[in-house]
């Protein structure tokens, strides 16, 4: 699935499926980043919320990211102030779950967003990779 984040697979009816945490689990593993790496959205985007899901549009690249409820929760936590552990802690508190359970469910979503260039780590004041 080379462009899973910007062009999700389609249903038999030709509709696009949203990016989901369960589909992200099927993605190949990536090298891990330092745990203290803080993340922020790397693109100027327009977010259109639909119930608990969202469609995120990058007008510069003309790419669309479809997020299911779980993936949208992760996306909303990426604000430049949180590393992976802080994101997982916030989601665990919200869901009333253990942090390790939340991390195993949501880590693949963060990894997929990084891999496809929607989020990047903060290197310095305004540097992002």
N, C-alpha and C. Protein backbone atom coordinates (compact mmCIF):
# COMPACT_ATOMS: atom_id res chain seq x y z
N UNK A 1 0.85 -1.17 0.00
CA UNK A 1 0.00 0.00 0.00
C UNK A 1 0.91 1.23 0.00
N UNK A 2 1.50 1.62 -1.13
CA UNK A 2 2.51 2.65 -1.17
C UNK A 2 2.06 4.04 -0.74
N UNK A 3 0.81 4.42 -0.98
CA UNK A 3 0.36 5.74 -0.60
C UNK A 3 -0.88 5.63 0.28
N UNK A 4 -0.82 4.73 1.26
CA UNK A 4 -1.99 4.43 2.08
C UNK A 4 -2.57 5.65 2.77
N UNK A 5 -1.74 6.56 3.17
CA UNK A 5 -2.26 7.70 3.91
C UNK A 5 -2.93 8.72 2.99
N UNK A 6 -2.43 8.90 1.78
CA UNK A 6 -3.01 9.90 0.92
C UNK A 6 -4.01 9.33 -0.08
N UNK A 7 -3.91 8.05 -0.37
CA UNK A 7 -4.83 7.41 -1.30
C UNK A 7 -5.22 6.05 -0.76
N UNK A 8 -6.13 6.01 0.23
CA UNK A 8 -6.49 4.73 0.83
C UNK A 8 -7.09 3.78 -0.20
N UNK A 9 -7.00 2.50 0.11
CA UNK A 9 -7.58 1.52 -0.80
C UNK A 9 -9.07 1.77 -0.96
N UNK A 10 -9.61 1.30 -2.05
CA UNK A 10 -11.02 1.55 -2.32
C UNK A 10 -11.86 0.32 -2.02
N UNK A 11 -13.12 0.56 -1.72
CA UNK A 11 -14.07 -0.52 -1.52
C UNK A 11 -14.47 -1.06 -2.88
N UNK A 12 -15.13 -2.21 -2.94
CA UNK A 12 -15.58 -2.73 -4.24
C UNK A 12 -16.50 -1.75 -4.97
N UNK A 13 -17.20 -0.88 -4.24
CA UNK A 13 -18.09 0.09 -4.87
C UNK A 13 -17.33 1.31 -5.38
N UNK A 14 -16.01 1.36 -5.19
CA UNK A 14 -15.21 2.48 -5.65
C UNK A 14 -15.05 3.59 -4.62
N UNK A 15 -15.59 3.41 -3.43
CA UNK A 15 -15.42 4.41 -2.37
C UNK A 15 -14.10 4.17 -1.65
N UNK A 16 -13.53 5.24 -1.16
CA UNK A 16 -12.27 5.11 -0.42
C UNK A 16 -12.56 4.75 1.02
N UNK A 17 -11.74 3.87 1.56
CA UNK A 17 -11.86 3.49 2.97
C UNK A 17 -11.04 4.45 3.81
N UNK A 18 -11.51 4.79 5.02
CA UNK A 18 -10.72 5.68 5.87
C UNK A 18 -9.49 4.97 6.42
N UNK A 19 -8.47 5.76 6.72
CA UNK A 19 -7.29 5.22 7.38
C UNK A 19 -7.75 4.79 8.77
N UNK A 20 -7.34 3.61 9.18
CA UNK A 20 -7.78 3.13 10.48
C UNK A 20 -6.61 2.54 11.24
N UNK A 21 -6.78 2.47 12.54
CA UNK A 21 -5.72 1.92 13.37
C UNK A 21 -5.51 0.44 13.07
N UNK A 22 -6.55 -0.29 12.71
CA UNK A 22 -6.39 -1.72 12.42
C UNK A 22 -5.65 -1.92 11.11
N UNK A 23 -5.90 -1.09 10.11
CA UNK A 23 -5.18 -1.22 8.85
C UNK A 23 -3.73 -0.81 9.02
N UNK A 24 -3.46 0.15 9.89
CA UNK A 24 -2.08 0.58 10.12
C UNK A 24 -1.26 -0.56 10.71
N UNK A 25 -1.90 -1.47 11.44
CA UNK A 25 -1.17 -2.60 12.02
C UNK A 25 -0.56 -3.49 10.96
N UNK A 26 -1.13 -3.50 9.77
CA UNK A 26 -0.62 -4.33 8.69
C UNK A 26 0.57 -3.69 7.98
N UNK A 27 0.86 -2.44 8.29
CA UNK A 27 1.98 -1.75 7.66
C UNK A 27 3.30 -2.36 8.13
N UNK A 28 4.34 -2.32 7.29
CA UNK A 28 5.63 -2.85 7.73
C UNK A 28 6.19 -2.02 8.87
N UNK A 29 6.94 -2.64 9.79
CA UNK A 29 7.50 -1.90 10.91
C UNK A 29 8.51 -0.86 10.45
N UNK A 30 8.65 0.19 11.23
CA UNK A 30 9.63 1.22 10.93
C UNK A 30 10.65 1.26 12.05
N UNK A 31 11.76 1.93 11.79
CA UNK A 31 12.73 2.09 12.86
C UNK A 31 12.14 3.03 13.89
N UNK A 32 12.40 2.76 15.14
CA UNK A 32 11.79 3.58 16.18
C UNK A 32 12.57 4.89 16.34
N UNK A 33 11.84 5.92 16.72
CA UNK A 33 12.43 7.22 16.96
C UNK A 33 12.72 7.33 18.45
N UNK A 34 13.59 8.26 18.85
CA UNK A 34 13.80 8.46 20.28
C UNK A 34 12.47 8.76 20.94
N UNK A 35 12.26 8.20 22.13
CA UNK A 35 10.96 8.33 22.79
C UNK A 35 10.58 9.78 23.07
N UNK A 36 11.55 10.65 23.25
CA UNK A 36 11.24 12.04 23.59
C UNK A 36 10.96 12.90 22.36
N UNK A 37 10.91 12.31 21.19
CA UNK A 37 10.64 13.08 19.98
C UNK A 37 9.23 13.64 20.03
N UNK A 38 9.12 14.96 19.86
CA UNK A 38 7.80 15.60 19.81
C UNK A 38 7.39 15.75 18.35
N UNK A 39 6.09 15.63 18.10
CA UNK A 39 5.57 15.62 16.73
C UNK A 39 4.65 16.80 16.47
N UNK A 40 4.66 17.25 15.22
CA UNK A 40 3.69 18.26 14.79
C UNK A 40 3.29 17.97 13.35
N UNK A 41 2.16 18.54 12.96
CA UNK A 41 1.67 18.39 11.59
C UNK A 41 2.63 19.14 10.68
N UNK A 42 3.07 18.51 9.59
CA UNK A 42 4.07 19.10 8.70
C UNK A 42 3.47 19.87 7.53
N UNK A 43 2.19 19.82 7.39
CA UNK A 43 1.57 20.42 6.21
C UNK A 43 0.54 21.45 6.62
N UNK A 44 0.30 22.40 5.72
CA UNK A 44 -0.82 23.33 5.90
C UNK A 44 -2.05 22.57 5.43
N UNK A 45 -2.94 22.27 6.34
CA UNK A 45 -4.07 21.40 5.99
C UNK A 45 -5.40 22.04 6.36
N UNK A 46 -6.43 21.52 5.70
CA UNK A 46 -7.81 21.87 6.02
C UNK A 46 -8.44 20.60 6.57
N UNK A 47 -9.04 20.69 7.76
CA UNK A 47 -9.64 19.51 8.39
C UNK A 47 -11.15 19.67 8.36
N UNK A 48 -11.82 18.68 7.79
CA UNK A 48 -13.29 18.65 7.78
C UNK A 48 -13.73 17.47 8.62
N UNK A 49 -14.34 17.78 9.75
CA UNK A 49 -14.78 16.74 10.68
C UNK A 49 -16.13 16.18 10.25
N UNK A 50 -16.26 14.86 10.30
CA UNK A 50 -17.51 14.18 10.00
C UNK A 50 -17.76 13.22 11.16
N UNK A 51 -18.66 13.62 12.06
CA UNK A 51 -18.90 12.86 13.29
C UNK A 51 -17.57 12.72 14.04
N UNK A 52 -17.12 11.48 14.30
CA UNK A 52 -15.86 11.25 15.00
C UNK A 52 -14.69 11.05 14.04
N UNK A 53 -14.95 11.12 12.76
CA UNK A 53 -13.92 10.91 11.74
C UNK A 53 -13.57 12.25 11.10
N UNK A 54 -12.60 12.23 10.18
CA UNK A 54 -12.21 13.48 9.52
C UNK A 54 -11.64 13.21 8.14
N UNK A 55 -11.75 14.23 7.32
CA UNK A 55 -11.08 14.28 6.04
C UNK A 55 -10.10 15.44 6.15
N UNK A 56 -8.82 15.16 5.91
CA UNK A 56 -7.78 16.17 6.00
C UNK A 56 -7.26 16.41 4.59
N UNK A 57 -7.25 17.67 4.17
CA UNK A 57 -6.84 18.01 2.81
C UNK A 57 -5.62 18.90 2.84
N UNK A 58 -4.63 18.54 2.03
CA UNK A 58 -3.44 19.36 1.85
C UNK A 58 -3.58 20.04 0.49
N UNK A 59 -3.98 21.34 0.46
CA UNK A 59 -4.20 22.01 -0.81
C UNK A 59 -2.93 22.16 -1.65
N UNK A 60 -1.78 22.25 -1.01
CA UNK A 60 -0.53 22.38 -1.76
C UNK A 60 -0.17 21.14 -2.55
N UNK A 61 -0.39 19.98 -1.95
CA UNK A 61 -0.05 18.71 -2.60
C UNK A 61 -1.26 18.04 -3.24
N UNK A 62 -2.44 18.60 -3.02
CA UNK A 62 -3.70 18.01 -3.51
C UNK A 62 -3.83 16.57 -3.03
N UNK A 63 -3.51 16.36 -1.76
CA UNK A 63 -3.64 15.03 -1.16
C UNK A 63 -4.70 15.07 -0.07
N UNK A 64 -5.39 13.94 0.05
CA UNK A 64 -6.45 13.81 1.03
C UNK A 64 -6.11 12.66 1.97
N UNK A 65 -6.35 12.89 3.24
CA UNK A 65 -6.14 11.87 4.26
C UNK A 65 -7.48 11.61 4.93
N UNK A 66 -7.97 10.37 4.82
CA UNK A 66 -9.23 9.98 5.46
C UNK A 66 -8.90 9.31 6.79
N UNK A 67 -9.45 9.83 7.88
CA UNK A 67 -9.14 9.30 9.21
C UNK A 67 -10.39 8.74 9.88
N UNK A 68 -10.30 7.49 10.34
CA UNK A 68 -11.39 6.95 11.15
C UNK A 68 -11.29 7.58 12.54
N UNK A 69 -12.19 7.22 13.44
CA UNK A 69 -12.24 7.85 14.76
C UNK A 69 -10.93 7.69 15.54
N UNK A 70 -10.35 6.49 15.54
CA UNK A 70 -9.09 6.27 16.26
C UNK A 70 -7.96 7.09 15.67
N UNK A 71 -7.81 7.06 14.35
CA UNK A 71 -6.73 7.81 13.70
C UNK A 71 -6.91 9.31 13.90
N UNK A 72 -8.15 9.79 13.90
CA UNK A 72 -8.40 11.22 14.11
C UNK A 72 -8.04 11.63 15.53
N UNK A 73 -8.29 10.76 16.50
CA UNK A 73 -7.89 11.06 17.89
C UNK A 73 -6.38 11.25 17.98
N UNK A 74 -5.63 10.39 17.31
CA UNK A 74 -4.17 10.52 17.31
C UNK A 74 -3.77 11.82 16.63
N UNK A 75 -4.33 12.09 15.46
CA UNK A 75 -4.01 13.29 14.68
C UNK A 75 -4.22 14.56 15.52
N UNK A 76 -5.29 14.61 16.30
CA UNK A 76 -5.59 15.79 17.12
C UNK A 76 -4.56 16.00 18.23
N UNK A 77 -3.87 14.95 18.64
CA UNK A 77 -2.89 15.06 19.72
C UNK A 77 -1.53 15.55 19.23
N UNK A 78 -1.32 15.55 17.92
CA UNK A 78 -0.03 15.94 17.34
C UNK A 78 -0.02 17.46 17.21
N UNK A 79 0.46 18.13 18.26
CA UNK A 79 0.43 19.60 18.28
C UNK A 79 1.80 20.22 18.54
N UNK A 80 2.84 19.42 18.53
CA UNK A 80 4.18 19.94 18.75
C UNK A 80 4.62 19.96 20.21
N UNK A 81 3.70 19.65 21.13
CA UNK A 81 4.05 19.68 22.55
C UNK A 81 4.21 18.28 23.13
N UNK A 82 3.79 17.25 22.39
CA UNK A 82 3.76 15.90 22.94
C UNK A 82 4.66 14.95 22.16
N UNK A 83 5.33 14.07 22.92
CA UNK A 83 6.04 12.96 22.31
C UNK A 83 5.09 11.76 22.30
N UNK A 84 5.56 10.61 21.81
CA UNK A 84 4.71 9.42 21.74
C UNK A 84 4.12 9.08 23.11
N UNK A 85 4.96 9.07 24.15
CA UNK A 85 4.49 8.68 25.48
C UNK A 85 3.38 9.61 25.97
N UNK A 86 3.52 10.91 25.74
CA UNK A 86 2.50 11.87 26.18
C UNK A 86 1.21 11.70 25.39
N UNK A 87 1.33 11.41 24.10
CA UNK A 87 0.14 11.16 23.28
C UNK A 87 -0.59 9.92 23.79
N UNK A 88 0.16 8.84 24.05
CA UNK A 88 -0.47 7.61 24.52
C UNK A 88 -1.08 7.79 25.91
N UNK A 89 -0.41 8.55 26.78
CA UNK A 89 -0.95 8.81 28.11
C UNK A 89 -2.27 9.57 28.02
N UNK A 90 -2.30 10.60 27.19
CA UNK A 90 -3.52 11.40 27.02
C UNK A 90 -4.68 10.53 26.51
N UNK A 91 -4.40 9.69 25.51
CA UNK A 91 -5.44 8.81 24.96
C UNK A 91 -5.86 7.75 25.97
N UNK A 92 -4.92 7.24 26.77
CA UNK A 92 -5.24 6.24 27.80
C UNK A 92 -6.17 6.85 28.84
N UNK A 93 -5.88 8.07 29.25
CA UNK A 93 -6.74 8.75 30.23
C UNK A 93 -8.14 8.96 29.65
N UNK A 94 -8.20 9.35 28.40
CA UNK A 94 -9.49 9.60 27.76
C UNK A 94 -10.33 8.33 27.67
N UNK A 95 -9.67 7.20 27.35
CA UNK A 95 -10.38 5.94 27.15
C UNK A 95 -10.47 5.09 28.42
N UNK A 96 -9.78 5.51 29.49
CA UNK A 96 -9.79 4.72 30.72
C UNK A 96 -9.09 3.38 30.55
N UNK A 97 -8.03 3.38 29.75
CA UNK A 97 -7.27 2.15 29.47
C UNK A 97 -5.84 2.31 29.96
N UNK A 98 -5.13 1.19 29.98
CA UNK A 98 -3.71 1.22 30.33
C UNK A 98 -2.93 1.83 29.16
N UNK A 99 -1.87 2.53 29.51
CA UNK A 99 -1.06 3.20 28.50
C UNK A 99 -0.45 2.22 27.51
N UNK A 100 0.00 1.04 27.98
CA UNK A 100 0.61 0.08 27.07
C UNK A 100 -0.41 -0.47 26.07
N UNK A 101 -1.67 -0.62 26.49
CA UNK A 101 -2.71 -1.07 25.56
C UNK A 101 -2.96 -0.02 24.48
N UNK A 102 -3.03 1.23 24.91
CA UNK A 102 -3.26 2.33 23.98
C UNK A 102 -2.07 2.45 23.03
N UNK A 103 -0.86 2.33 23.56
CA UNK A 103 0.33 2.43 22.72
C UNK A 103 0.35 1.36 21.65
N UNK A 104 0.00 0.13 22.00
CA UNK A 104 0.02 -0.94 20.99
C UNK A 104 -1.04 -0.71 19.91
N UNK A 105 -2.13 -0.06 20.26
CA UNK A 105 -3.19 0.20 19.28
C UNK A 105 -2.88 1.42 18.42
N UNK A 106 -2.31 2.48 19.01
CA UNK A 106 -2.14 3.73 18.29
C UNK A 106 -0.74 3.97 17.71
N UNK A 107 0.28 3.25 18.17
CA UNK A 107 1.64 3.45 17.64
C UNK A 107 1.71 3.24 16.13
N UNK A 108 1.03 2.23 15.57
CA UNK A 108 1.07 2.07 14.12
C UNK A 108 0.44 3.24 13.36
N UNK A 109 -0.53 3.91 13.96
CA UNK A 109 -1.15 5.07 13.32
C UNK A 109 -0.13 6.21 13.25
N UNK A 110 0.56 6.48 14.36
CA UNK A 110 1.60 7.51 14.36
C UNK A 110 2.70 7.17 13.35
N UNK A 111 3.11 5.91 13.32
CA UNK A 111 4.16 5.48 12.40
C UNK A 111 3.74 5.70 10.95
N UNK A 112 2.50 5.37 10.63
CA UNK A 112 2.01 5.55 9.26
C UNK A 112 1.95 7.03 8.89
N UNK A 113 1.53 7.88 9.81
CA UNK A 113 1.49 9.32 9.55
C UNK A 113 2.89 9.88 9.32
N UNK A 114 3.87 9.39 10.09
CA UNK A 114 5.26 9.81 9.89
C UNK A 114 5.77 9.34 8.54
N UNK A 115 5.55 8.08 8.23
CA UNK A 115 6.05 7.47 7.01
C UNK A 115 5.54 8.20 5.76
N UNK A 116 4.33 8.70 5.82
CA UNK A 116 3.74 9.35 4.66
C UNK A 116 3.86 10.87 4.70
N UNK A 117 4.64 11.38 5.65
CA UNK A 117 4.97 12.80 5.67
C UNK A 117 3.90 13.75 6.19
N UNK A 118 2.89 13.24 6.87
CA UNK A 118 1.86 14.13 7.42
C UNK A 118 2.31 14.74 8.74
N UNK A 119 3.16 14.05 9.48
CA UNK A 119 3.70 14.61 10.72
C UNK A 119 5.21 14.47 10.69
N UNK A 120 5.89 15.34 11.43
CA UNK A 120 7.34 15.30 11.50
C UNK A 120 7.79 15.65 12.90
N UNK A 121 9.02 15.28 13.20
CA UNK A 121 9.52 15.54 14.55
C UNK A 121 10.10 16.94 14.62
N UNK A 122 10.02 17.51 15.79
CA UNK A 122 10.56 18.85 16.02
C UNK A 122 12.03 18.69 16.38
N UNK A 123 12.90 19.34 15.60
CA UNK A 123 14.34 19.24 15.84
C UNK A 123 14.84 20.41 16.67
N UNK A 124 14.36 21.59 16.36
CA UNK A 124 14.78 22.79 17.07
C UNK A 124 13.59 23.71 17.18
N UNK A 125 13.85 25.00 17.22
CA UNK A 125 12.76 25.96 17.40
C UNK A 125 11.63 25.74 16.39
N UNK A 126 11.94 25.78 15.11
CA UNK A 126 10.91 25.57 14.10
C UNK A 126 11.30 24.52 13.07
N UNK A 127 12.38 23.82 13.30
CA UNK A 127 12.82 22.80 12.35
C UNK A 127 11.99 21.55 12.48
N UNK A 128 11.66 20.95 11.37
CA UNK A 128 10.93 19.69 11.36
C UNK A 128 11.57 18.79 10.32
N UNK A 129 11.65 17.50 10.65
CA UNK A 129 12.16 16.57 9.64
C UNK A 129 11.05 15.64 9.23
